[in-house]
Amino acid sequence: MARRSRGTSSLTTYRDSAGAESWYGLFCSHGRRVKRRICPKREAGTRKGLTRTQAEAALRRITGEAHAAPPVVQRVTVGEAGRRYLDELEALGRKPSTMQDYRSTLRVHLVPFYGERPLSEIDKADVRAFVAAKRREGKASKSVPNWLSLLHSIFTHAEERAGHAATR
């Protein structure tokens, strides 16, 4: 059995208000400390939940997925960068409803507007044009900033990955 390197992650248990225990993992991903619920802890004499060994294996899978990086491509589009970002968020344990909302925003609003243009060719004027187009379409005033927030996160993630790949 392969073990985690010293200092790379930790596994602990927490008891919720109902008295059920769960395994939690603490690890670093792209310079940030991440704490995620792994799974329920196995109770003695039952088959429900995972043992420490099984929970450690699950944590290794999660941290491996969180650190896995697809090859850097010079001309990454909003769609491709968005999919990479959302795949990482999913690996980090974002709620399914949040992931569904992000994927919908990417598919319905961002990709159709920006098309196959590389991230490197999108500037502030293009973002302003996106906002103006969505307002002309009569979209809710709260929705547009949410979509801009996702777009900003996609750009930030792509920049971090490009910088991280350059240091390898």
Protein backbone atom coordinates (compact mmCIF):
# COMPACT_ATOMS: atom_id res chain seq x y z
CA MET A 1 0.00 0.00 0.00
CA ALA A 2 1.39 3.40 -1.01
CA ARG A 3 1.42 5.97 1.75
CA ARG A 4 1.05 9.71 1.55
CA SER A 5 4.26 11.71 1.77
CA ARG A 6 4.81 13.32 5.13
CA GLY A 7 3.12 16.70 5.31
CA THR A 8 1.04 16.40 2.13
CA SER A 9 -2.37 15.75 3.66
CA SER A 10 -4.10 14.59 6.81
CA LEU A 11 -7.12 12.51 7.67
CA THR A 12 -9.29 13.07 10.71
CA THR A 13 -12.84 12.42 11.93
CA TYR A 14 -15.57 14.78 13.04
CA ARG A 15 -18.86 13.99 14.74
CA ASP A 16 -21.95 15.88 13.57
CA SER A 17 -24.84 17.03 15.76
CA ALA A 18 -26.66 13.71 15.16
CA GLY A 19 -23.66 11.79 16.48
CA ALA A 20 -22.52 10.32 13.14
CA GLU A 21 -18.78 10.36 12.44
CA SER A 22 -17.26 11.19 9.05
CA TRP A 23 -13.74 11.15 7.64
CA TYR A 24 -12.37 14.56 6.61
CA GLY A 25 -9.25 15.23 4.58
CA LEU A 26 -7.05 18.33 4.77
CA PHE A 27 -4.68 18.95 1.87
CA CYS A 28 -3.17 21.71 -0.26
CA SER A 29 -4.29 22.35 -3.80
CA HIS A 30 -2.75 25.14 -5.89
CA GLY A 31 -1.47 26.93 -2.82
CA ARG A 32 -4.72 26.72 -0.86
CA ARG A 33 -5.55 24.56 2.14
CA VAL A 34 -8.65 22.51 1.38
CA LYS A 35 -10.76 20.64 3.93
CA ARG A 36 -13.27 18.16 2.47
CA ARG A 37 -15.60 15.52 3.84
CA ILE A 38 -14.43 12.22 2.41
CA CYS A 39 -17.11 9.76 3.56
CA PRO A 40 -18.87 8.34 6.64
CA LYS A 41 -16.66 6.51 9.14
CA ARG A 42 -17.30 2.79 9.50
CA GLU A 43 -18.91 1.87 12.80
CA ALA A 44 -17.61 -1.23 14.58
CA GLY A 45 -19.44 -4.38 13.55
CA THR A 46 -21.05 -2.86 10.44
CA ARG A 47 -20.24 -2.67 6.72
CA LYS A 48 -21.53 0.90 6.39
CA GLY A 49 -18.88 3.58 5.83
CA LEU A 50 -15.14 3.29 5.25
CA THR A 51 -12.26 2.11 7.40
CA ARG A 52 -9.21 4.33 7.94
CA THR A 53 -7.30 2.47 5.20
CA GLN A 54 -10.17 2.89 2.74
CA ALA A 55 -10.58 6.57 3.68
CA GLU A 56 -6.84 7.15 3.13
CA ALA A 57 -7.12 5.58 -0.32
CA ALA A 58 -10.10 7.85 -1.11
CA LEU A 59 -8.11 10.88 0.09
CA ARG A 60 -5.19 9.89 -2.16
CA ARG A 61 -7.58 9.70 -5.12
CA ILE A 62 -9.03 13.13 -4.32
CA THR A 63 -5.64 14.79 -3.85
CA GLY A 64 -4.32 13.11 -7.00
CA GLU A 65 -7.26 14.44 -8.99
CA ALA A 66 -6.88 17.89 -7.46
CA HIS A 67 -3.23 18.08 -8.52
CA ALA A 68 -3.60 16.43 -11.94
CA ALA A 69 -3.05 18.98 -14.67
CA PRO A 70 -3.88 18.50 -18.31
CA PRO A 71 -1.19 19.72 -20.69
CA VAL A 72 -1.02 23.48 -21.14
CA VAL A 73 -2.12 24.63 -24.58
CA GLN A 74 -1.24 28.07 -25.88
CA ARG A 75 -4.66 28.84 -27.34
CA VAL A 76 -7.08 27.67 -24.66
CA THR A 77 -10.69 28.77 -25.24
CA VAL A 78 -13.18 29.89 -22.60
CA GLY A 79 -14.99 26.57 -23.02
CA GLU A 80 -11.89 24.42 -22.52
CA ALA A 81 -10.54 26.51 -19.63
CA GLY A 82 -14.00 26.48 -18.06
CA ARG A 83 -14.27 22.69 -18.30
CA ARG A 84 -10.84 22.28 -16.70
CA TYR A 85 -11.77 24.64 -13.88
CA LEU A 86 -15.10 22.92 -13.25
CA ASP A 87 -13.48 19.47 -13.31
CA GLU A 88 -11.11 20.61 -10.58
CA LEU A 89 -13.94 22.09 -8.50
CA GLU A 90 -15.83 18.82 -8.81
CA ALA A 91 -12.76 16.87 -7.67
CA LEU A 92 -12.51 19.19 -4.67
CA GLY A 93 -16.06 18.28 -3.66
CA ARG A 94 -18.30 21.16 -4.72
CA LYS A 95 -21.99 20.45 -4.30
CA PRO A 96 -23.71 18.85 -7.32
CA SER A 97 -26.23 21.70 -7.52
CA THR A 98 -23.40 24.27 -7.70
CA MET A 99 -21.64 22.25 -10.39
CA GLN A 100 -24.87 21.98 -12.39
CA ASP A 101 -25.33 25.76 -12.22
CA TYR A 102 -21.71 26.44 -13.28
CA ARG A 103 -21.90 23.99 -16.19
CA SER A 104 -25.16 25.56 -17.33
CA THR A 105 -23.65 29.06 -17.21
CA LEU A 106 -20.65 27.90 -19.21
CA ARG A 107 -22.77 26.07 -21.81
CA VAL A 108 -25.62 28.60 -22.19
CA HIS A 109 -23.93 31.99 -21.73
CA LEU A 110 -20.13 32.04 -21.81
CA VAL A 111 -19.23 29.58 -24.59
CA PRO A 112 -21.85 30.86 -27.08
CA PHE A 113 -20.74 34.47 -26.52
CA TYR A 114 -16.97 33.97 -26.65
CA GLY A 115 -16.96 31.02 -29.05
CA GLU A 116 -13.58 29.61 -30.03
CA ARG A 117 -11.63 32.74 -29.11
CA PRO A 118 -8.56 32.05 -26.97
CA LEU A 119 -8.48 33.49 -23.46
CA SER A 120 -5.43 35.54 -24.41
CA GLU A 121 -7.50 37.51 -26.95
CA ILE A 122 -10.32 38.46 -24.58
CA ASP A 123 -10.00 41.91 -23.02
CA LYS A 124 -12.05 44.29 -20.86
CA ALA A 125 -13.98 45.59 -23.87
CA ASP A 126 -15.12 42.02 -24.64
CA VAL A 127 -16.30 41.56 -21.05
CA ARG A 128 -18.19 44.88 -21.22
CA ALA A 129 -19.77 43.72 -24.48
CA PHE A 130 -20.86 40.48 -22.75
CA VAL A 131 -22.50 42.46 -19.93
CA ALA A 132 -24.24 44.80 -22.39
CA ALA A 133 -25.51 41.88 -24.48
CA LYS A 134 -26.95 40.08 -21.44
CA ARG A 135 -28.64 43.27 -20.21
CA ARG A 136 -30.14 43.81 -23.67
CA GLU A 137 -31.47 40.26 -23.48
CA GLY A 138 -33.22 41.27 -20.25
CA LYS A 139 -31.32 38.91 -17.96
CA ALA A 140 -31.74 39.38 -14.21
CA SER A 141 -29.47 41.98 -12.64
CA LYS A 142 -28.18 39.40 -10.12
CA SER A 143 -27.39 36.78 -12.78
CA VAL A 144 -24.92 38.83 -14.81
CA PRO A 145 -22.50 39.44 -11.89
CA ASN A 146 -22.71 35.73 -11.03
CA TRP A 147 -21.70 34.83 -14.59
CA LEU A 148 -18.89 37.42 -14.48
CA SER A 149 -17.66 35.89 -11.24
CA LEU A 150 -17.44 32.46 -12.88
CA LEU A 151 -15.66 33.98 -15.90
CA HIS A 152 -13.18 35.70 -13.56
CA SER A 153 -12.54 32.41 -11.75
CA ILE A 154 -11.94 30.64 -15.06
CA PHE A 155 -9.37 33.28 -16.07
CA THR A 156 -7.66 33.17 -12.66
CA HIS A 157 -7.49 29.37 -12.73
CA ALA A 158 -6.04 29.40 -16.26
CA GLU A 159 -3.40 31.96 -15.23
CA GLU A 160 -2.43 29.93 -12.16
CA ARG A 161 -2.13 26.76 -14.25
CA ALA A 162 -0.04 28.51 -16.89
CA GLY A 163 2.27 29.91 -14.20
CA HIS A 164 2.41 26.54 -12.42
CA ALA A 165 3.26 24.74 -15.65
CA ALA A 166 5.99 27.26 -16.46
CA THR A 167 7.74 26.54 -13.15
CA ARG A 168 7.91 22.78 -13.74
